[in-house]
PDB file of N, CA and C in Angstrom:
ATOM      1  N   MET A   1       0.765  -1.192  -0.060  1.00  0.00           N
ATOM      2  CA  MET A   1       0.007   0.012   0.012  1.00  0.00           C
ATOM      3  C   MET A   1       0.874   1.301  -0.044  1.00  0.00           C
ATOM      4  N   LEU A   2       0.341   2.315  -0.765  1.00  0.00           N
ATOM      5  CA  LEU A   2       1.090   3.378  -0.831  1.00  0.00           C
ATOM      6  C   LEU A   2       0.775   4.500   0.183  1.00  0.00           C
ATOM      7  N   ILE A   3      -0.582   4.461   0.740  1.00  0.00           N
ATOM      8  CA  ILE A   3      -1.029   5.294   1.658  1.00  0.00           C
ATOM      9  C   ILE A   3      -1.305   4.589   3.045  1.00  0.00           C
ATOM     10  N   SER A   4      -0.862   5.062   4.019  1.00  0.00           N
ATOM     11  CA  SER A   4      -1.005   4.368   5.310  1.00  0.00           C
ATOM     12  C   SER A   4      -2.566   4.565   5.715  1.00  0.00           C
ATOM     13  N   PRO A   5      -3.166   3.640   6.387  1.00  0.00           N
ATOM     14  CA  PRO A   5      -4.572   3.733   6.840  1.00  0.00           C
ATOM     15  C   PRO A   5      -4.856   4.989   7.711  1.00  0.00           C
ATOM     16  N   ALA A   6      -3.964   5.352   8.633  1.00  0.00           N
ATOM     17  CA  ALA A   6      -4.103   6.438   9.459  1.00  0.00           C
ATOM     18  C   ALA A   6      -4.406   7.670   8.667  1.00  0.00           C
ATOM     19  N   PHE A   7      -3.422   7.990   7.680  1.00  0.00           N
ATOM     20  CA  PHE A   7      -3.442   9.177   6.967  1.00  0.00           C
ATOM     21  C   PHE A   7      -4.700   9.285   6.001  1.00  0.00           C
ATOM     22  N   ALA A   8      -5.177   8.070   5.378  1.00  0.00           N
ATOM     23  CA  ALA A   8      -6.409   7.980   4.661  1.00  0.00           C
ATOM     24  C   ALA A   8      -7.668   8.388   5.495  1.00  0.00           C
ATOM     25  N   GLN A   9      -7.714   7.909   6.665  1.00  0.00           N
ATOM     26  CA  GLN A   9      -8.823   8.324   7.616  1.00  0.00           C
ATOM     27  C   GLN A   9      -8.831   9.699   8.043  1.00  0.00           C
ATOM     28  N   SER A  10      -7.759  10.426   8.310  1.00  0.00           N
ATOM     29  CA  SER A  10      -7.816  11.759   8.629  1.00  0.00           C
ATOM     30  C   SER A  10      -8.175  12.642   7.457  1.00  0.00           C
ATOM     31  N   ALA A  11      -7.905  12.263   6.204  1.00  0.00           N
ATOM     32  CA  ALA A  11      -8.132  13.096   5.021  1.00  0.00           C
ATOM     33  C   ALA A  11      -9.691  13.148   4.811  1.00  0.00           C
ATOM     34  N   GLY A  12     -10.403  12.104   5.165  1.00  0.00           N
ATOM     35  CA  GLY A  12     -11.898  12.060   5.094  1.00  0.00           C
ATOM     36  C   GLY A  12     -12.518  13.059   5.923  1.00  0.00           C
ATOM     37  N   GLY A  13     -11.952  13.407   7.014  1.00  0.00           N
ATOM     38  CA  GLY A  13     -12.664  14.203   7.987  1.00  0.00           C
ATOM     39  C   GLY A  13     -12.423  15.645   7.724  1.00  0.00           C
ATOM     40  N   ALA A  14     -11.487  16.026   6.992  1.00  0.00           N
ATOM     41  CA  ALA A  14     -11.156  17.386   6.536  1.00  0.00           C
ATOM     42  C   ALA A  14     -12.209  17.927   5.639  1.00  0.00           C
ATOM     43  N   GLY A  15     -12.960  17.179   4.890  1.00  0.00           N
ATOM     44  CA  GLY A  15     -13.889  17.594   3.934  1.00  0.00           C
ATOM     45  C   GLY A  15     -15.187  18.004   4.464  1.00  0.00           C
ATOM     46  N   SER A  16     -15.360  18.119   5.833  1.00  0.00           N
ATOM     47  CA  SER A  16     -16.630  18.435   6.502  1.00  0.00           C
ATOM     48  C   SER A  16     -16.839  19.950   6.375  1.00  0.00           C
ATOM     49  N   ASP A  17     -18.172  20.232   6.528  1.00  0.00           N
ATOM     50  CA  ASP A  17     -18.647  21.648   6.287  1.00  0.00           C
ATOM     51  C   ASP A  17     -18.017  22.528   7.369  1.00  0.00           C
ATOM     52  N   PRO A  18     -17.395  23.679   7.018  1.00  0.00           N
ATOM     53  CA  PRO A  18     -16.708  24.579   7.949  1.00  0.00           C
ATOM     54  C   PRO A  18     -17.787  25.475   8.754  1.00  0.00           C
ATOM     55  N   GLY A  19     -18.888  25.619   8.180  1.00  0.00           N
ATOM     56  CA  GLY A  19     -20.042  26.405   8.874  1.00  0.00           C
ATOM     57  C   GLY A  19     -19.598  27.915   8.944  1.00  0.00           C
ATOM     58  N   LEU A  20     -20.024  28.570  10.010  1.00  0.00           N
ATOM     59  CA  LEU A  20     -19.754  30.015  10.149  1.00  0.00           C
ATOM     60  C   LEU A  20     -18.308  30.277  10.360  1.00  0.00           C
ATOM     61  N   ILE A  21     -17.470  29.446  10.768  1.00  0.00           N
ATOM     62  CA  ILE A  21     -16.001  29.576  10.872  1.00  0.00           C
ATOM     63  C   ILE A  21     -15.325  29.999   9.498  1.00  0.00           C
ATOM     64  N   GLY A  22     -15.858  29.462   8.430  1.00  0.00           N
ATOM     65  CA  GLY A  22     -15.273  29.594   7.213  1.00  0.00           C
ATOM     66  C   GLY A  22     -15.682  31.066   6.692  1.00  0.00           C
ATOM     67  N   PHE A  23     -16.808  31.535   7.115  1.00  0.00           N
ATOM     68  CA  PHE A  23     -17.252  32.937   6.680  1.00  0.00           C
ATOM     69  C   PHE A  23     -16.739  33.958   7.529  1.00  0.00           C
ATOM     70  N   LEU A  24     -16.104  33.661   8.706  1.00  0.00           N
ATOM     71  CA  LEU A  24     -15.650  34.627   9.624  1.00  0.00           C
ATOM     72  C   LEU A  24     -14.640  35.659   9.128  1.00  0.00           C
ATOM     73  N   PRO A  25     -13.650  35.222   8.317  1.00  0.00           N
ATOM     74  CA  PRO A  25     -12.730  36.156   7.698  1.00  0.00           C
ATOM     75  C   PRO A  25     -13.306  37.080   6.772  1.00  0.00           C
ATOM     76  N   LEU A  26     -14.334  36.666   5.965  1.00  0.00           N
ATOM     77  CA  LEU A  26     -15.031  37.572   4.964  1.00  0.00           C
ATOM     78  C   LEU A  26     -15.913  38.508   5.689  1.00  0.00           C
ATOM     79  N   ILE A  27     -16.494  38.196   6.727  1.00  0.00           N
ATOM     80  CA  ILE A  27     -17.322  39.027   7.542  1.00  0.00           C
ATOM     81  C   ILE A  27     -16.477  40.086   8.136  1.00  0.00           C
ATOM     82  N   LEU A  28     -15.357  39.662   8.706  1.00  0.00           N
ATOM     83  CA  LEU A  28     -14.352  40.671   9.418  1.00  0.00           C
ATOM     84  C   LEU A  28     -13.807  41.631   8.430  1.00  0.00           C
ATOM     85  N   MET A  29     -13.507  41.161   7.217  1.00  0.00           N
ATOM     86  CA  MET A  29     -13.070  42.026   6.173  1.00  0.00           C
ATOM     87  C   MET A  29     -14.092  43.076   5.654  1.00  0.00           C
ATOM     88  N   PHE A  30     -15.372  42.656   5.643  1.00  0.00           N
ATOM     89  CA  PHE A  30     -16.504  43.569   5.300  1.00  0.00           C
ATOM     90  C   PHE A  30     -16.555  44.661   6.426  1.00  0.00           C
ATOM     91  N   VAL A  31     -16.625  44.309   7.593  1.00  0.00           N
ATOM     92  CA  VAL A  31     -16.693  45.158   8.789  1.00  0.00           C
ATOM     93  C   VAL A  31     -15.519  46.171   8.753  1.00  0.00           C
ATOM     94  N   LEU A  32     -14.314  45.757   8.577  1.00  0.00           N
ATOM     95  CA  LEU A  32     -13.192  46.651   8.484  1.00  0.00           C
ATOM     96  C   LEU A  32     -13.256  47.600   7.276  1.00  0.00           C
ATOM     97  N   LEU A  33     -13.745  47.022   6.249  1.00  0.00           N
ATOM     98  CA  LEU A  33     -13.884  47.944   5.070  1.00  0.00           C
ATOM     99  C   LEU A  33     -14.996  48.993   5.297  1.00  0.00           C
ATOM    100  N   TRP A  34     -16.086  48.513   5.984  1.00  0.00           N
ATOM    101  CA  TRP A  34     -17.114  49.575   6.372  1.00  0.00           C
ATOM    102  C   TRP A  34     -16.657  50.746   7.240  1.00  0.00           C
ATOM    103  N   PHE A  35     -15.870  50.395   8.298  1.00  0.00           N
ATOM    104  CA  PHE A  35     -15.449  51.365   9.232  1.00  0.00           C
ATOM    105  C   PHE A  35     -14.247  52.256   8.693  1.00  0.00           C
ATOM    106  N   LEU A  36     -13.436  51.717   7.733  1.00  0.00           N
ATOM    107  CA  LEU A  36     -12.283  52.400   7.260  1.00  0.00           C
ATOM    108  C   LEU A  36     -12.484  53.148   6.048  1.00  0.00           C
ATOM    109  N   LEU A  37     -13.501  52.724   5.207  1.00  0.00           N
ATOM    110  CA  LEU A  37     -13.634  53.322   3.873  1.00  0.00           C
ATOM    111  C   LEU A  37     -15.041  53.974   3.616  1.00  0.00           C
ATOM    112  N   ILE A  38     -16.036  53.131   3.890  1.00  0.00           N
ATOM    113  CA  ILE A  38     -17.397  53.507   3.439  1.00  0.00           C
ATOM    114  C   ILE A  38     -17.944  54.579   4.406  1.00  0.00           C
ATOM    115  N   ARG A  39     -17.987  54.277   5.709  1.00  0.00           N
ATOM    116  CA  ARG A  39     -18.553  55.239   6.728  1.00  0.00           C
ATOM    117  C   ARG A  39     -17.950  56.594   6.612  1.00  0.00           C
ATOM    118  N   PRO A  40     -16.568  56.763   6.591  1.00  0.00           N
ATOM    119  CA  PRO A  40     -16.056  58.078   6.497  1.00  0.00           C
ATOM    120  C   PRO A  40     -16.470  58.810   5.300  1.00  0.00           C
ATOM    121  N   GLN A  41     -16.544  58.150   4.071  1.00  0.00           N
ATOM    122  CA  GLN A  41     -16.944  58.777   2.896  1.00  0.00           C
ATOM    123  C   GLN A  41     -18.455  59.237   2.944  1.00  0.00           C
ATOM    124  N   MET A  42     -19.272  58.468   3.481  1.00  0.00           N
ATOM    125  CA  MET A  42     -20.614  58.826   3.682  1.00  0.00           C
ATOM    126  C   MET A  42     -20.762  60.083   4.647  1.00  0.00           C
ATOM    127  N   LYS A  43     -19.957  60.087   5.656  1.00  0.00           N
ATOM    128  CA  LYS A  43     -19.794  61.284   6.541  1.00  0.00           C
ATOM    129  C   LYS A  43     -19.487  62.560   5.800  1.00  0.00           C
ATOM    130  N   ARG A  44     -18.412  62.384   4.956  1.00  0.00           N
ATOM    131  CA  ARG A  44     -17.960  63.532   4.282  1.00  0.00           C
ATOM    132  C   ARG A  44     -18.935  64.118   3.196  1.00  0.00           C
ATOM    133  N   GLN A  45     -19.627  63.134   2.629  1.00  0.00           N
ATOM    134  CA  GLN A  45     -20.743  63.561   1.624  1.00  0.00           C
ATOM    135  C   GLN A  45     -21.852  64.277   2.293  1.00  0.00           C
ATOM    136  N   LYS A  46     -22.224  63.766   3.450  1.00  0.00           N
ATOM    137  CA  LYS A  46     -23.340  64.385   4.231  1.00  0.00           C
ATOM    138  C   LYS A  46     -22.837  65.877   4.601  1.00  0.00           C
ATOM    139  N   GLU A  47     -21.679  65.903   5.198  1.00  0.00           N
ATOM    140  CA  GLU A  47     -21.243  67.317   5.560  1.00  0.00           C
ATOM    141  C   GLU A  47     -21.156  68.180   4.386  1.00  0.00           C
ATOM    142  N   HIS A  48     -20.697  67.833   3.257  1.00  0.00           N
ATOM    143  CA  HIS A  48     -20.635  68.656   1.962  1.00  0.00           C
ATOM    144  C   HIS A  48     -22.029  69.103   1.643  1.00  0.00           C
ATOM    145  N   ARG A  49     -22.931  68.113   1.592  1.00  0.00           N
ATOM    146  CA  ARG A  49     -24.314  68.521   1.180  1.00  0.00           C
ATOM    147  C   ARG A  49     -24.960  69.465   2.100  1.00  0.00           C
ATOM    148  N   GLN A  50     -24.681  69.326   3.460  1.00  0.00           N
ATOM    149  CA  GLN A  50     -25.223  70.375   4.480  1.00  0.00           C
ATOM    150  C   GLN A  50     -24.541  71.721   4.132  1.00  0.00           C
ATOM    151  N   MET A  51     -23.242  71.802   3.803  1.00  0.00           N
ATOM    152  CA  MET A  51     -22.656  72.926   3.570  1.00  0.00           C
ATOM    153  C   MET A  51     -23.126  73.694   2.247  1.00  0.00           C
ATOM    154  N   VAL A  52     -23.417  72.913   1.339  1.00  0.00           N
ATOM    155  CA  VAL A  52     -23.833  73.462   0.078  1.00  0.00           C
ATOM    156  C   VAL A  52     -25.335  73.955   0.294  1.00  0.00           C
ATOM    157  N   GLU A  53     -26.056  73.281   1.016  1.00  0.00           N
ATOM    158  CA  GLU A  53     -27.458  73.812   1.216  1.00  0.00           C
ATOM    159  C   GLU A  53     -27.489  75.053   2.063  1.00  0.00           C
ATOM    160  N   ALA A  54     -26.400  75.275   2.900  1.00  0.00           N
ATOM    161  CA  ALA A  54     -26.416  76.493   3.884  1.00  0.00           C
ATOM    162  C   ALA A  54     -25.863  77.642   3.180  1.00  0.00           C
ATOM    163  N   LEU A  55     -25.332  77.616   1.911  1.00  0.00           N
ATOM    164  CA  LEU A  55     -24.831  78.775   1.260  1.00  0.00           C
ATOM    165  C   LEU A  55     -25.806  79.908   1.175  1.00  0.00           C
ATOM    166  N   GLN A  56     -25.220  81.122   1.308  1.00  0.00           N
ATOM    167  CA  GLN A  56     -26.076  82.300   1.264  1.00  0.00           C
ATOM    168  C   GLN A  56     -25.451  83.427   0.455  1.00  0.00           C
ATOM    169  N   LYS A  57     -26.183  84.322  -0.083  1.00  0.00           N
ATOM    170  CA  LYS A  57     -25.673  85.386  -0.877  1.00  0.00           C
ATOM    171  C   LYS A  57     -24.615  86.190   0.043  1.00  0.00           C
ATOM    172  N   GLY A  58     -23.531  86.521  -0.597  1.00  0.00           N
ATOM    173  CA  GLY A  58     -22.431  87.209   0.203  1.00  0.00           C
ATOM    174  C   GLY A  58     -21.458  86.413   0.867  1.00  0.00           C
ATOM    175  N   ASP A  59     -21.596  84.920   0.939  1.00  0.00           N
ATOM    176  CA  ASP A  59     -20.588  84.128   1.393  1.00  0.00           C
ATOM    177  C   ASP A  59     -19.371  84.156   0.576  1.00  0.00           C
ATOM    178  N   GLU A  60     -18.176  83.983   1.120  1.00  0.00           N
ATOM    179  CA  GLU A  60     -16.938  83.859   0.360  1.00  0.00           C
ATOM    180  C   GLU A  60     -16.552  82.354   0.311  1.00  0.00           C
ATOM    181  N   VAL A  61     -16.331  81.842  -0.849  1.00  0.00           N
ATOM    182  CA  VAL A  61     -16.045  80.366  -0.898  1.00  0.00           C
ATOM    183  C   VAL A  61     -14.850  80.062  -1.834  1.00  0.00           C
ATOM    184  N   ILE A  62     -14.457  78.861  -1.816  1.00  0.00           N
ATOM    185  CA  ILE A  62     -13.359  78.329  -2.758  1.00  0.00           C
ATOM    186  C   ILE A  62     -14.251  77.335  -3.588  1.00  0.00           C
ATOM    187  N   ALA A  63     -14.247  77.407  -4.978  1.00  0.00           N
ATOM    188  CA  ALA A  63     -14.930  76.492  -5.784  1.00  0.00           C
ATOM    189  C   ALA A  63     -13.746  75.446  -6.375  1.00  0.00           C
ATOM    190  N   ALA A  64     -14.359  74.487  -7.095  1.00  0.00           N
ATOM    191  CA  ALA A  64     -13.417  73.518  -7.697  1.00  0.00           C
ATOM    192  C   ALA A  64     -12.475  74.229  -8.707  1.00  0.00           C
ATOM    193  N   GLY A  65     -11.272  73.843  -8.764  1.00  0.00           N
ATOM    194  CA  GLY A  65     -10.344  74.446  -9.596  1.00  0.00           C
ATOM    195  C   GLY A  65      -9.605  75.585  -8.863  1.00  0.00           C
ATOM    196  N   GLY A  66      -9.906  75.869  -7.675  1.00  0.00           N
ATOM    197  CA  GLY A  66      -9.208  76.976  -6.962  1.00  0.00           C
ATOM    198  C   GLY A  66      -9.793  78.279  -7.106  1.00  0.00           C
ATOM    199  N   LEU A  67     -11.076  78.489  -7.661  1.00  0.00           N
ATOM    200  CA  LEU A  67     -11.622  79.846  -7.810  1.00  0.00           C
ATOM    201  C   LEU A  67     -12.066  80.317  -6.414  1.00  0.00           C
ATOM    202  N   VAL A  68     -11.681  81.530  -6.110  1.00  0.00           N
ATOM    203  CA  VAL A  68     -12.020  82.091  -4.836  1.00  0.00           C
ATOM    204  C   VAL A  68     -12.954  83.301  -5.236  1.00  0.00           C
ATOM    205  N   GLY A  69     -14.129  83.383  -4.661  1.00  0.00           N
ATOM    206  CA  GLY A  69     -15.003  84.456  -4.971  1.00  0.00           C
ATOM    207  C   GLY A  69     -16.143  84.581  -3.896  1.00  0.00           C
ATOM    208  N   ARG A  70     -16.966  85.677  -4.177  1.00  0.00           N
ATOM    209  CA  ARG A  70     -18.062  85.915  -3.236  1.00  0.00           C
ATOM    210  C   ARG A  70     -19.385  85.530  -4.027  1.00  0.00           C
ATOM    211  N   ILE A  71     -20.266  84.925  -3.339  1.00  0.00           N
ATOM    212  CA  ILE A  71     -21.575  84.573  -3.872  1.00  0.00           C
ATOM    213  C   ILE A  71     -22.393  85.754  -4.141  1.00  0.00           C
ATOM    214  N   THR A  72     -22.861  86.062  -5.387  1.00  0.00           N
ATOM    215  CA  THR A  72     -23.717  87.139  -5.748  1.00  0.00           C
ATOM    216  C   THR A  72     -25.203  86.653  -6.005  1.00  0.00           C
ATOM    217  N   LYS A  73     -25.266  85.420  -6.642  1.00  0.00           N
ATOM    218  CA  LYS A  73     -26.597  84.952  -7.017  1.00  0.00           C
ATOM    219  C   LYS A  73     -26.586  83.511  -6.654  1.00  0.00           C
ATOM    220  N   LEU A  74     -27.838  82.894  -6.233  1.00  0.00           N
ATOM    221  CA  LEU A  74     -28.007  81.481  -5.995  1.00  0.00           C
ATOM    222  C   LEU A  74     -29.298  80.989  -6.645  1.00  0.00           C
ATOM    223  N   THR A  75     -29.210  79.769  -7.302  1.00  0.00           N
ATOM    224  CA  THR A  75     -30.282  79.136  -7.713  1.00  0.00           C
ATOM    225  C   THR A  75     -30.214  77.698  -7.165  1.00  0.00           C
ATOM    226  N   ASP A  76     -31.188  76.934  -7.635  1.00  0.00           N
ATOM    227  CA  ASP A  76     -31.236  75.592  -7.104  1.00  0.00           C
ATOM    228  C   ASP A  76     -29.896  74.694  -7.434  1.00  0.00           C
ATOM    229  N   GLN A  77     -29.482  75.019  -8.685  1.00  0.00           N
ATOM    230  CA  GLN A  77     -28.311  74.139  -9.171  1.00  0.00           C
ATOM    231  C   GLN A  77     -27.039  74.960  -9.375  1.00  0.00           C
ATOM    232  N   TYR A  78     -27.164  76.324  -9.438  1.00  0.00           N
ATOM    233  CA  TYR A  78     -26.000  77.177  -9.815  1.00  0.00           C
ATOM    234  C   TYR A  78     -25.627  78.187  -8.802  1.00  0.00           C
ATOM    235  N   VAL A  79     -24.453  78.626  -8.678  1.00  0.00           N
ATOM    236  CA  VAL A  79     -24.084  79.738  -7.916  1.00  0.00           C
ATOM    237  C   VAL A  79     -23.249  80.731  -8.826  1.00  0.00           C
ATOM    238  N   THR A  80     -23.482  81.852  -8.615  1.00  0.00           N
ATOM    239  CA  THR A  80     -22.708  82.888  -9.390  1.00  0.00           C
ATOM    240  C   THR A  80     -21.737  83.582  -8.455  1.00  0.00           C
ATOM    241  N   LEU A  81     -20.419  83.461  -8.833  1.00  0.00           N
ATOM    242  CA  LEU A  81     -19.328  83.997  -8.074  1.00  0.00           C
ATOM    243  C   LEU A  81     -18.681  85.229  -8.637  1.00  0.00           C
ATOM    244  N   GLU A  82     -18.535  86.211  -7.786  1.00  0.00           N
ATOM    245  CA  GLU A  82     -17.748  87.287  -8.254  1.00  0.00           C
ATOM    246  C   GLU A  82     -16.323  87.147  -7.896  1.00  0.00           C
ATOM    247  N   ILE A  83     -15.501  86.919  -8.843  1.00  0.00           N
ATOM    248  CA  ILE A  83     -14.145  86.576  -8.639  1.00  0.00           C
ATOM    249  C   ILE A  83     -13.145  87.838  -8.678  1.00  0.00           C
ATOM    250  N   ALA A  84     -13.644  88.931  -9.379  1.00  0.00           N
ATOM    251  CA  ALA A  84     -13.028  90.158  -9.343  1.00  0.00           C
ATOM    252  C   ALA A  84     -14.014  91.233  -9.572  1.00  0.00           C
ATOM    253  N   PRO A  85     -13.705  92.475  -9.326  1.00  0.00           N
ATOM    254  CA  PRO A  85     -14.701  93.508  -9.584  1.00  0.00           C
ATOM    255  C   PRO A  85     -15.236  93.479 -11.125  1.00  0.00           C
ATOM    256  N   GLN A  86     -16.465  93.383 -11.238  1.00  0.00           N
ATOM    257  CA  GLN A  86     -17.266  93.155 -12.512  1.00  0.00           C
ATOM    258  C   GLN A  86     -16.942  92.003 -13.205  1.00  0.00           C
ATOM    259  N   THR A  87     -16.484  90.986 -12.608  1.00  0.00           N
ATOM    260  CA  THR A  87     -16.197  89.587 -13.215  1.00  0.00           C
ATOM    261  C   THR A  87     -16.845  88.567 -12.355  1.00  0.00           C
ATOM    262  N   GLU A  88     -17.854  87.931 -13.001  1.00  0.00           N
ATOM    263  CA  GLU A  88     -18.587  86.857 -12.421  1.00  0.00           C
ATOM    264  C   GLU A  88     -18.637  85.626 -13.276  1.00  0.00           C
ATOM    265  N   VAL A  89     -18.601  84.439 -12.583  1.00  0.00           N
ATOM    266  CA  VAL A  89     -18.594  83.198 -13.198  1.00  0.00           C
ATOM    267  C   VAL A  89     -19.769  82.440 -12.570  1.00  0.00           C
ATOM    268  N   LEU A  90     -20.197  81.515 -13.369  1.00  0.00           N
ATOM    269  CA  LEU A  90     -21.398  80.661 -13.063  1.00  0.00           C
ATOM    270  C   LEU A  90     -20.795  79.134 -12.770  1.00  0.00           C
ATOM    271  N   VAL A  91     -21.020  78.658 -11.580  1.00  0.00           N
ATOM    272  CA  VAL A  91     -20.591  77.355 -11.177  1.00  0.00           C
ATOM    273  C   VAL A  91     -21.704  76.464 -10.547  1.00  0.00           C
ATOM    274  N   GLN A  92     -21.611  75.338 -10.687  1.00  0.00           N
ATOM    275  CA  GLN A  92     -22.539  74.375 -10.020  1.00  0.00           C
ATOM    276  C   GLN A  92     -22.386  74.454  -8.453  1.00  0.00           C
ATOM    277  N   ARG A  93     -23.429  74.346  -7.862  1.00  0.00           N
ATOM    278  CA  ARG A  93     -23.465  74.357  -6.334  1.00  0.00           C
ATOM    279  C   ARG A  93     -22.540  73.210  -5.841  1.00  0.00           C
ATOM    280  N   ALA A  94     -22.518  72.131  -6.445  1.00  0.00           N
ATOM    281  CA  ALA A  94     -21.662  70.996  -5.817  1.00  0.00           C
ATOM    282  C   ALA A  94     -20.091  71.283  -6.155  1.00  0.00           C
ATOM    283  N   ALA A  95     -19.861  72.271  -7.042  1.00  0.00           N
ATOM    284  CA  ALA A  95     -18.489  72.646  -7.233  1.00  0.00           C
ATOM    285  C   ALA A  95     -17.816  73.443  -6.027  1.00  0.00           C
ATOM    286  N   VAL A  96     -18.713  74.009  -5.228  1.00  0.00           N
ATOM    287  CA  VAL A  96     -18.313  74.782  -4.149  1.00  0.00           C
ATOM    288  C   VAL A  96     -17.593  73.801  -3.126  1.00  0.00           C
ATOM    289  N   GLN A  97     -16.371  73.963  -2.833  1.00  0.00           N
ATOM    290  CA  GLN A  97     -15.605  73.041  -1.925  1.00  0.00           C
ATOM    291  C   GLN A  97     -15.609  73.486  -0.467  1.00  0.00           C
ATOM    292  N   MET A  98     -15.433  74.745  -0.216  1.00  0.00           N
ATOM    293  CA  MET A  98     -15.301  75.110   1.177  1.00  0.00           C
ATOM    294  C   MET A  98     -15.665  76.629   1.335  1.00  0.00           C
ATOM    295  N   PRO A  99     -16.403  77.006   2.486  1.00  0.00           N
ATOM    296  CA  PRO A  99     -16.554  78.349   2.729  1.00  0.00           C
ATOM    297  C   PRO A  99     -15.426  78.983   3.448  1.00  0.00           C
ATOM    298  N   LEU A 100     -15.233  80.282   3.174  1.00  0.00           N
ATOM    299  CA  LEU A 100     -14.101  80.972   3.824  1.00  0.00           C
ATOM    300  C   LEU A 100     -14.693  81.931   4.820  1.00  0.00           C
ATOM    301  N   PRO A 101     -13.783  82.332   5.825  1.00  0.00           N
ATOM    302  CA  PRO A 101     -14.259  83.365   6.818  1.00  0.00           C
ATOM    303  C   PRO A 101     -14.502  84.798   6.129  1.00  0.00           C
ATOM    304  N   LYS A 102     -15.484  85.481   6.590  1.00  0.00           N
ATOM    305  CA  LYS A 102     -15.708  86.696   6.102  1.00  0.00           C
ATOM    306  C   LYS A 102     -14.432  87.544   5.990  1.00  0.00           C
ATOM    307  N   GLY A 103     -14.152  88.412   4.983  1.00  0.00           N
ATOM    308  CA  GLY A 103     -13.110  89.183   4.908  1.00  0.00           C
ATOM    309  C   GLY A 103     -11.828  88.631   4.305  1.00  0.00           C
ATOM    310  N   THR A 104     -12.004  87.323   3.928  1.00  0.00           N
ATOM    311  CA  THR A 104     -10.773  86.652   3.355  1.00  0.00           C
ATOM    312  C   THR A 104     -10.337  87.259   1.969  1.00  0.00           C
ATOM    313  N   ILE A 105     -11.401  87.470   1.164  1.00  0.00           N
ATOM    314  CA  ILE A 105     -11.038  87.976  -0.146  1.00  0.00           C
ATOM    315  C   ILE A 105     -10.516  89.298  -0.178  1.00  0.00           C
ATOM    316  N   LYS A 106     -10.868  90.165   0.760  1.00  0.00           N
ATOM    317  CA  LYS A 106     -10.349  91.630   0.811  1.00  0.00           C
ATOM    318  C   LYS A 106      -8.876  91.478   1.187  1.00  0.00           C
ATOM    319  N   SER A 107      -8.491  90.556   2.078  1.00  0.00           N
ATOM    320  CA  SER A 107      -7.128  90.424   2.527  1.00  0.00           C
ATOM    321  C   SER A 107      -6.202  89.843   1.424  1.00  0.00           C
ATOM    322  N   LEU A 108      -6.818  89.079   0.464  1.00  0.00           N
ATOM    323  CA  LEU A 108      -5.999  88.633  -0.622  1.00  0.00           C
ATOM    324  C   LEU A 108      -5.730  89.558  -1.762  1.00  0.00           C
ATOM    325  N   GLN A 109      -6.524  90.633  -1.838  1.00  0.00           N
ATOM    326  CA  GLN A 109      -6.384  91.535  -2.953  1.00  0.00           C
ATOM    327  C   GLN A 109      -5.418  92.691  -2.677  1.00  0.00           C
TER     328      GLN A 109
END
């Protein structure tokens, strides 16, 4: 015989159903992914949405691409920014990245 009887018997027991223990690493990986990636991203999205909804005329903001300006007009989808005297640009509300403290633009000019 090439295979000993003891070795052949132990190999048959290894094919049993692992049950919940087999899925435990997969479950732990999903939980880790949730707390490290998904949950913080959802929190940032919520904060950005609240910031965009709270925008008002006269606020100073930074828009995507680094545009710094003061809000002159607001609509549901767009914001008009005055980036220089007599120079206005129209950007989407979602493009506004961050509000600035009042008087920031005056100190930059």
